[in-house]
Amino acid sequence: MAKIRHLAIKTKNPERLAGFYEDVFGMKRIHGEKGGAIYMSDGYLTLALLRNRGEATPSGINHFGFHVDNIKDVEDKLQKFEEPLVQRPANRPFAEYRAMDPDGNLFDVSAHGYDEAELQETRDKRSRETRKDKVSS
């Protein structure tokens, strides 16, 4: 079963919100982008605090993310709903793919998980090394 391991909240002030979750719930910062997103964790769930783009952008839940064992399996199941699984930009450290549910709610899908930042370049390198190991075995 896929597990929800990531929740993203849009906010006008990521630093203020991070302080709130640190003080009230003891969450720890695991990654941050200067002047931008702050990623926090309770040891299980990763919480992304994302800066709003523009004053008119509403604050609140933006998307959530599933940690799955098999991306292809999810992609096949989404075809029933005519929903494509789209690769995330290479500079996104926590999720490889994104899709929408029938109501338009965005969700990310990751096979590597949300515990640590891992850019596409690192995933590609690991994949090439794994293929080399299989060929030489």
N, C-alpha and C. Protein backbone atom coordinates (compact mmCIF):
# COMPACT_ATOMS: atom_id res chain seq x y z
N MET A 1 0.85 -1.18 0.00
CA MET A 1 0.00 0.00 0.00
C MET A 1 0.89 1.24 0.00
N ALA A 2 0.55 2.20 -0.84
CA ALA A 2 1.27 3.47 -0.85
C ALA A 2 1.00 4.20 0.46
N LYS A 3 1.98 4.99 0.89
CA LYS A 3 1.85 5.73 2.15
C LYS A 3 1.98 7.23 1.89
N ILE A 4 1.07 8.01 2.46
CA ILE A 4 1.21 9.46 2.39
C ILE A 4 2.33 9.85 3.33
N ARG A 5 3.40 10.43 2.75
CA ARG A 5 4.58 10.79 3.52
C ARG A 5 4.96 12.25 3.38
N HIS A 6 4.14 13.03 2.65
CA HIS A 6 4.53 14.40 2.33
C HIS A 6 3.28 15.26 2.22
N LEU A 7 3.36 16.45 2.80
CA LEU A 7 2.28 17.43 2.72
C LEU A 7 2.91 18.79 2.48
N ALA A 8 2.38 19.54 1.51
CA ALA A 8 2.92 20.86 1.20
C ALA A 8 1.87 21.92 1.48
N ILE A 9 2.30 22.97 2.19
CA ILE A 9 1.43 24.08 2.54
C ILE A 9 2.02 25.35 1.93
N LYS A 10 1.19 26.12 1.24
CA LYS A 10 1.59 27.43 0.72
C LYS A 10 1.39 28.47 1.82
N THR A 11 2.32 29.41 1.93
CA THR A 11 2.25 30.44 2.96
C THR A 11 2.97 31.70 2.50
N LYS A 12 2.56 32.82 3.03
CA LYS A 12 3.24 34.08 2.73
C LYS A 12 4.58 34.17 3.48
N ASN A 13 4.73 33.38 4.57
CA ASN A 13 5.92 33.48 5.40
C ASN A 13 6.37 32.09 5.88
N PRO A 14 7.15 31.35 5.05
CA PRO A 14 7.60 30.02 5.45
C PRO A 14 8.38 30.01 6.77
N GLU A 15 9.19 31.02 7.00
CA GLU A 15 9.99 31.07 8.23
C GLU A 15 9.09 31.13 9.47
N ARG A 16 8.05 31.97 9.41
CA ARG A 16 7.12 32.10 10.54
C ARG A 16 6.40 30.77 10.79
N LEU A 17 5.96 30.13 9.71
CA LEU A 17 5.24 28.86 9.85
C LEU A 17 6.17 27.76 10.36
N ALA A 18 7.43 27.76 9.90
CA ALA A 18 8.41 26.77 10.39
C ALA A 18 8.61 26.93 11.89
N GLY A 19 8.74 28.17 12.35
CA GLY A 19 8.89 28.42 13.79
C GLY A 19 7.70 27.89 14.57
N PHE A 20 6.50 28.07 14.03
CA PHE A 20 5.30 27.56 14.67
C PHE A 20 5.37 26.04 14.83
N TYR A 21 5.68 25.32 13.73
CA TYR A 21 5.71 23.86 13.80
C TYR A 21 6.87 23.34 14.65
N GLU A 22 7.97 24.09 14.72
CA GLU A 22 9.07 23.73 15.61
C GLU A 22 8.64 23.88 17.06
N ASP A 23 8.09 25.04 17.40
CA ASP A 23 7.73 25.35 18.79
C ASP A 23 6.56 24.52 19.30
N VAL A 24 5.53 24.37 18.49
CA VAL A 24 4.32 23.69 18.96
C VAL A 24 4.43 22.17 18.90
N PHE A 25 5.04 21.63 17.82
CA PHE A 25 5.05 20.18 17.63
C PHE A 25 6.44 19.55 17.66
N GLY A 26 7.48 20.37 17.81
CA GLY A 26 8.84 19.83 17.89
C GLY A 26 9.38 19.31 16.57
N MET A 27 8.80 19.73 15.45
CA MET A 27 9.28 19.27 14.14
C MET A 27 10.68 19.82 13.89
N LYS A 28 11.45 19.11 13.09
CA LYS A 28 12.84 19.48 12.78
C LYS A 28 12.96 19.90 11.32
N ARG A 29 13.78 20.91 11.08
CA ARG A 29 14.08 21.32 9.71
C ARG A 29 15.04 20.31 9.10
N ILE A 30 14.72 19.84 7.90
CA ILE A 30 15.60 18.87 7.24
C ILE A 30 16.21 19.43 5.96
N HIS A 31 15.64 20.52 5.43
CA HIS A 31 16.15 21.10 4.20
C HIS A 31 15.52 22.48 4.05
N GLY A 32 16.27 23.40 3.51
CA GLY A 32 15.72 24.73 3.30
C GLY A 32 16.37 25.40 2.12
N GLU A 33 15.61 26.25 1.47
CA GLU A 33 16.11 27.02 0.34
C GLU A 33 16.07 28.48 0.76
N LYS A 34 17.19 29.17 0.68
CA LYS A 34 17.27 30.55 1.15
C LYS A 34 16.14 31.40 0.56
N GLY A 35 15.34 31.98 1.45
CA GLY A 35 14.24 32.83 1.03
C GLY A 35 13.08 32.09 0.39
N GLY A 36 13.09 30.76 0.45
CA GLY A 36 12.05 29.99 -0.21
C GLY A 36 11.47 28.91 0.67
N ALA A 37 11.37 27.72 0.13
CA ALA A 37 10.74 26.60 0.81
C ALA A 37 11.56 26.13 2.00
N ILE A 38 10.86 25.67 3.01
CA ILE A 38 11.48 25.04 4.18
C ILE A 38 10.83 23.66 4.32
N TYR A 39 11.66 22.63 4.45
CA TYR A 39 11.16 21.27 4.60
C TYR A 39 11.41 20.82 6.03
N MET A 40 10.37 20.26 6.64
CA MET A 40 10.45 19.83 8.03
C MET A 40 9.98 18.39 8.13
N SER A 41 10.30 17.74 9.25
CA SER A 41 9.85 16.36 9.44
C SER A 41 9.56 16.08 10.90
N ASP A 42 8.63 15.19 11.11
CA ASP A 42 8.36 14.66 12.44
C ASP A 42 9.01 13.29 12.61
N GLY A 43 9.82 12.90 11.64
CA GLY A 43 10.45 11.58 11.65
C GLY A 43 9.71 10.60 10.75
N TYR A 44 8.52 10.96 10.33
CA TYR A 44 7.75 10.12 9.41
C TYR A 44 7.25 10.94 8.22
N LEU A 45 6.51 12.00 8.49
CA LEU A 45 5.93 12.84 7.45
C LEU A 45 6.85 14.03 7.17
N THR A 46 7.03 14.36 5.90
CA THR A 46 7.77 15.55 5.52
C THR A 46 6.77 16.65 5.23
N LEU A 47 6.96 17.80 5.83
CA LEU A 47 6.10 18.96 5.64
C LEU A 47 6.88 20.02 4.88
N ALA A 48 6.38 20.38 3.69
CA ALA A 48 7.02 21.42 2.88
C ALA A 48 6.25 22.71 3.07
N LEU A 49 6.94 23.75 3.47
CA LEU A 49 6.34 25.07 3.63
C LEU A 49 6.81 25.91 2.46
N LEU A 50 5.91 26.16 1.51
CA LEU A 50 6.25 26.80 0.24
C LEU A 50 5.78 28.24 0.23
N ARG A 51 6.63 29.13 -0.27
CA ARG A 51 6.28 30.55 -0.36
C ARG A 51 5.24 30.74 -1.45
N ASN A 52 4.19 31.51 -1.11
CA ASN A 52 3.17 31.89 -2.10
C ASN A 52 3.83 32.66 -3.23
N ARG A 53 3.29 32.48 -4.40
CA ARG A 53 3.75 33.27 -5.57
C ARG A 53 2.73 34.36 -5.81
N GLY A 54 3.02 35.54 -5.34
CA GLY A 54 2.11 36.66 -5.51
C GLY A 54 1.19 36.84 -4.31
N GLU A 55 0.79 38.05 -4.08
CA GLU A 55 -0.06 38.38 -2.94
C GLU A 55 -1.46 37.76 -3.03
N ALA A 56 -1.96 37.57 -4.25
CA ALA A 56 -3.32 37.05 -4.40
C ALA A 56 -3.39 35.54 -4.24
N THR A 57 -2.26 34.86 -4.22
CA THR A 57 -2.24 33.40 -4.08
C THR A 57 -2.72 33.02 -2.69
N PRO A 58 -3.70 32.12 -2.61
CA PRO A 58 -4.18 31.74 -1.28
C PRO A 58 -3.21 30.83 -0.53
N SER A 59 -3.15 31.00 0.76
CA SER A 59 -2.36 30.11 1.60
C SER A 59 -3.19 28.86 1.87
N GLY A 60 -2.51 27.78 2.19
CA GLY A 60 -3.20 26.54 2.53
C GLY A 60 -2.55 25.34 1.88
N ILE A 61 -3.19 24.20 1.98
CA ILE A 61 -2.64 22.95 1.44
C ILE A 61 -2.51 23.07 -0.07
N ASN A 62 -1.34 22.71 -0.58
CA ASN A 62 -1.04 22.80 -2.01
C ASN A 62 -1.06 21.43 -2.67
N HIS A 63 -0.40 20.45 -2.05
CA HIS A 63 -0.38 19.09 -2.57
C HIS A 63 0.08 18.14 -1.46
N PHE A 64 -0.02 16.85 -1.73
CA PHE A 64 0.49 15.84 -0.81
C PHE A 64 1.25 14.82 -1.63
N GLY A 65 2.02 13.96 -0.97
CA GLY A 65 2.85 13.02 -1.71
C GLY A 65 2.80 11.62 -1.15
N PHE A 66 2.78 10.66 -2.08
CA PHE A 66 2.80 9.24 -1.73
C PHE A 66 4.19 8.66 -1.95
N HIS A 67 4.63 7.83 -1.01
CA HIS A 67 5.82 7.02 -1.18
C HIS A 67 5.34 5.65 -1.64
N VAL A 68 5.81 5.21 -2.80
CA VAL A 68 5.35 3.94 -3.39
C VAL A 68 6.54 3.03 -3.67
N ASP A 69 6.25 1.76 -3.82
CA ASP A 69 7.29 0.79 -4.16
C ASP A 69 7.57 0.75 -5.66
N ASN A 70 6.52 1.03 -6.48
CA ASN A 70 6.65 0.82 -7.91
C ASN A 70 5.93 1.94 -8.67
N ILE A 71 6.69 2.82 -9.29
CA ILE A 71 6.12 3.93 -10.05
C ILE A 71 5.27 3.42 -11.22
N LYS A 72 5.76 2.42 -11.92
CA LYS A 72 5.06 1.89 -13.11
C LYS A 72 3.68 1.37 -12.73
N ASP A 73 3.57 0.74 -11.59
CA ASP A 73 2.27 0.23 -11.12
C ASP A 73 1.27 1.38 -10.93
N VAL A 74 1.72 2.47 -10.33
CA VAL A 74 0.85 3.64 -10.13
C VAL A 74 0.47 4.23 -11.49
N GLU A 75 1.44 4.34 -12.37
CA GLU A 75 1.17 4.90 -13.70
C GLU A 75 0.11 4.07 -14.44
N ASP A 76 0.23 2.76 -14.35
CA ASP A 76 -0.76 1.88 -15.00
C ASP A 76 -2.15 2.06 -14.42
N LYS A 77 -2.24 2.20 -13.12
CA LYS A 77 -3.55 2.37 -12.46
C LYS A 77 -4.17 3.72 -12.80
N LEU A 78 -3.35 4.76 -12.98
CA LEU A 78 -3.86 6.08 -13.32
C LEU A 78 -4.47 6.12 -14.72
N GLN A 79 -4.05 5.21 -15.60
CA GLN A 79 -4.60 5.18 -16.96
C GLN A 79 -6.11 4.95 -16.94
N LYS A 80 -6.60 4.19 -15.99
CA LYS A 80 -8.04 3.95 -15.86
C LYS A 80 -8.80 5.27 -15.70
N PHE A 81 -8.16 6.25 -15.09
CA PHE A 81 -8.78 7.55 -14.84
C PHE A 81 -8.35 8.61 -15.86
N GLU A 82 -7.60 8.16 -16.88
CA GLU A 82 -7.09 9.06 -17.92
C GLU A 82 -6.30 10.21 -17.32
N GLU A 83 -5.52 9.89 -16.31
CA GLU A 83 -4.70 10.89 -15.63
C GLU A 83 -3.23 10.54 -15.84
N PRO A 84 -2.47 11.42 -16.50
CA PRO A 84 -1.06 11.11 -16.72
C PRO A 84 -0.22 11.34 -15.46
N LEU A 85 0.82 10.56 -15.35
CA LEU A 85 1.83 10.75 -14.32
C LEU A 85 2.96 11.53 -14.98
N VAL A 86 3.18 12.77 -14.54
CA VAL A 86 4.11 13.69 -15.18
C VAL A 86 5.40 13.78 -14.36
N GLN A 87 6.52 13.69 -15.05
CA GLN A 87 7.80 13.80 -14.35
C GLN A 87 7.98 15.22 -13.82
N ARG A 88 8.45 15.32 -12.58
CA ARG A 88 8.71 16.61 -11.94
C ARG A 88 10.01 17.19 -12.49
N PRO A 89 10.19 18.50 -12.42
CA PRO A 89 11.45 19.09 -12.87
C PRO A 89 12.64 18.49 -12.12
N ALA A 90 13.78 18.45 -12.80
CA ALA A 90 14.98 17.82 -12.24
C ALA A 90 15.47 18.48 -10.97
N ASN A 91 15.07 19.73 -10.70
CA ASN A 91 15.55 20.42 -9.50
C ASN A 91 14.63 20.22 -8.30
N ARG A 92 13.67 19.32 -8.38
CA ARG A 92 12.79 19.02 -7.25
C ARG A 92 13.39 17.87 -6.46
N PRO A 93 13.77 18.10 -5.21
CA PRO A 93 14.54 17.08 -4.48
C PRO A 93 13.74 15.95 -3.84
N PHE A 94 12.42 16.04 -3.79
CA PHE A 94 11.71 15.03 -3.02
C PHE A 94 10.78 14.12 -3.82
N ALA A 95 10.32 14.49 -4.98
CA ALA A 95 9.38 13.65 -5.70
C ALA A 95 9.74 13.57 -7.17
N GLU A 96 9.56 12.40 -7.73
CA GLU A 96 9.89 12.20 -9.13
C GLU A 96 8.74 12.52 -10.08
N TYR A 97 7.49 12.33 -9.61
CA TYR A 97 6.33 12.48 -10.49
C TYR A 97 5.18 13.22 -9.79
N ARG A 98 4.24 13.73 -10.61
CA ARG A 98 3.06 14.41 -10.10
C ARG A 98 1.86 14.04 -10.97
N ALA A 99 0.69 13.99 -10.33
CA ALA A 99 -0.58 13.75 -11.04
C ALA A 99 -1.68 14.44 -10.26
N MET A 100 -2.92 14.29 -10.75
CA MET A 100 -4.10 14.87 -10.09
C MET A 100 -5.14 13.79 -9.89
N ASP A 101 -5.91 13.91 -8.81
CA ASP A 101 -7.05 13.02 -8.62
C ASP A 101 -8.23 13.57 -9.43
N PRO A 102 -9.35 12.85 -9.50
CA PRO A 102 -10.48 13.31 -10.31
C PRO A 102 -11.04 14.68 -9.91
N ASP A 103 -10.80 15.13 -8.68
CA ASP A 103 -11.27 16.44 -8.25
C ASP A 103 -10.24 17.55 -8.46
N GLY A 104 -9.09 17.21 -9.04
CA GLY A 104 -8.07 18.21 -9.33
C GLY A 104 -7.06 18.44 -8.23
N ASN A 105 -7.06 17.61 -7.19
CA ASN A 105 -6.07 17.72 -6.11
C ASN A 105 -4.73 17.16 -6.59
N LEU A 106 -3.68 17.96 -6.47
CA LEU A 106 -2.36 17.53 -6.90
C LEU A 106 -1.73 16.59 -5.88
N PHE A 107 -1.05 15.56 -6.40
CA PHE A 107 -0.26 14.69 -5.52
C PHE A 107 1.03 14.30 -6.22
N ASP A 108 2.07 14.15 -5.41
CA ASP A 108 3.37 13.70 -5.90
C ASP A 108 3.49 12.20 -5.64
N VAL A 109 4.35 11.57 -6.44
CA VAL A 109 4.64 10.14 -6.29
C VAL A 109 6.15 9.98 -6.30
N SER A 110 6.67 9.28 -5.29
CA SER A 110 8.10 9.09 -5.17
C SER A 110 8.42 7.66 -4.79
N ALA A 111 9.40 7.07 -5.48
CA ALA A 111 9.89 5.75 -5.10
C ALA A 111 11.07 5.87 -4.13
N HIS A 112 11.81 6.98 -4.19
CA HIS A 112 12.96 7.12 -3.29
C HIS A 112 12.55 7.64 -1.92
N GLY A 113 11.37 8.20 -1.79
CA GLY A 113 10.88 8.63 -0.49
C GLY A 113 11.09 10.10 -0.22
N TYR A 114 10.70 10.52 0.96
CA TYR A 114 10.73 11.93 1.33
C TYR A 114 11.65 12.22 2.51
N ASP A 115 12.44 11.23 2.91
CA ASP A 115 13.28 11.41 4.09
C ASP A 115 14.49 12.29 3.84
N GLU A 116 14.98 12.31 2.60
CA GLU A 116 16.14 13.14 2.30
C GLU A 116 16.03 13.70 0.89
N ALA A 117 16.67 14.84 0.69
CA ALA A 117 16.66 15.48 -0.63
C ALA A 117 17.49 14.65 -1.59
N GLU A 118 16.95 14.40 -2.77
CA GLU A 118 17.68 13.66 -3.80
C GLU A 118 17.24 14.21 -5.15
N LEU A 119 18.14 14.89 -5.84
CA LEU A 119 17.80 15.48 -7.13
C LEU A 119 17.83 14.43 -8.24
N GLN A 120 17.20 14.74 -9.36
CA GLN A 120 17.10 13.81 -10.49
C GLN A 120 18.48 13.33 -10.93
N GLU A 121 19.46 14.21 -10.92
CA GLU A 121 20.82 13.84 -11.33
C GLU A 121 21.34 12.67 -10.49
N THR A 122 21.12 12.70 -9.20
CA THR A 122 21.56 11.62 -8.31
C THR A 122 20.79 10.34 -8.59
N ARG A 123 19.47 10.46 -8.83
CA ARG A 123 18.66 9.26 -9.14
C ARG A 123 19.14 8.63 -10.44
N ASP A 124 19.44 9.45 -11.45
CA ASP A 124 19.92 8.93 -12.74
C ASP A 124 21.25 8.23 -12.57
N LYS A 125 22.16 8.82 -11.80
CA LYS A 125 23.48 8.22 -11.58
C LYS A 125 23.34 6.86 -10.89
N ARG A 126 22.51 6.80 -9.87
CA ARG A 126 22.30 5.54 -9.15
C ARG A 126 21.71 4.49 -10.08
N SER A 127 20.77 4.90 -10.94
CA SER A 127 20.15 3.97 -11.88
C SER A 127 21.19 3.41 -12.86
N ARG A 128 22.08 4.28 -13.37
CA ARG A 128 23.13 3.82 -14.28
C ARG A 128 24.07 2.83 -13.58
N GLU A 129 24.41 3.12 -12.32
CA GLU A 129 25.31 2.22 -11.56
C GLU A 129 24.65 0.88 -11.32
N THR A 130 23.35 0.88 -11.04
CA THR A 130 22.61 -0.36 -10.81
C THR A 130 22.60 -1.21 -12.09
N ARG A 131 22.37 -0.56 -13.24
CA ARG A 131 22.36 -1.28 -14.52
C ARG A 131 23.75 -1.88 -14.80
N LYS A 132 24.82 -1.12 -14.51
CA LYS A 132 26.18 -1.63 -14.71
C LYS A 132 26.43 -2.87 -13.87
N ASP A 133 25.98 -2.81 -12.60
CA ASP A 133 26.17 -3.95 -11.69
C ASP A 133 25.45 -5.19 -12.21
N LYS A 134 24.25 -5.02 -12.76
CA LYS A 134 23.47 -6.15 -13.28
C LYS A 134 24.14 -6.74 -14.51
N VAL A 135 24.72 -5.89 -15.37
CA VAL A 135 25.38 -6.36 -16.58
C VAL A 135 26.65 -7.13 -16.23
N SER A 136 27.41 -6.66 -15.27
CA SER A 136 28.68 -7.29 -14.92
C SER A 136 28.50 -8.53 -14.05
N SER A 137 27.29 -8.78 -13.55
CA SER A 137 27.05 -9.95 -12.69
C SER A 137 26.90 -11.21 -13.51
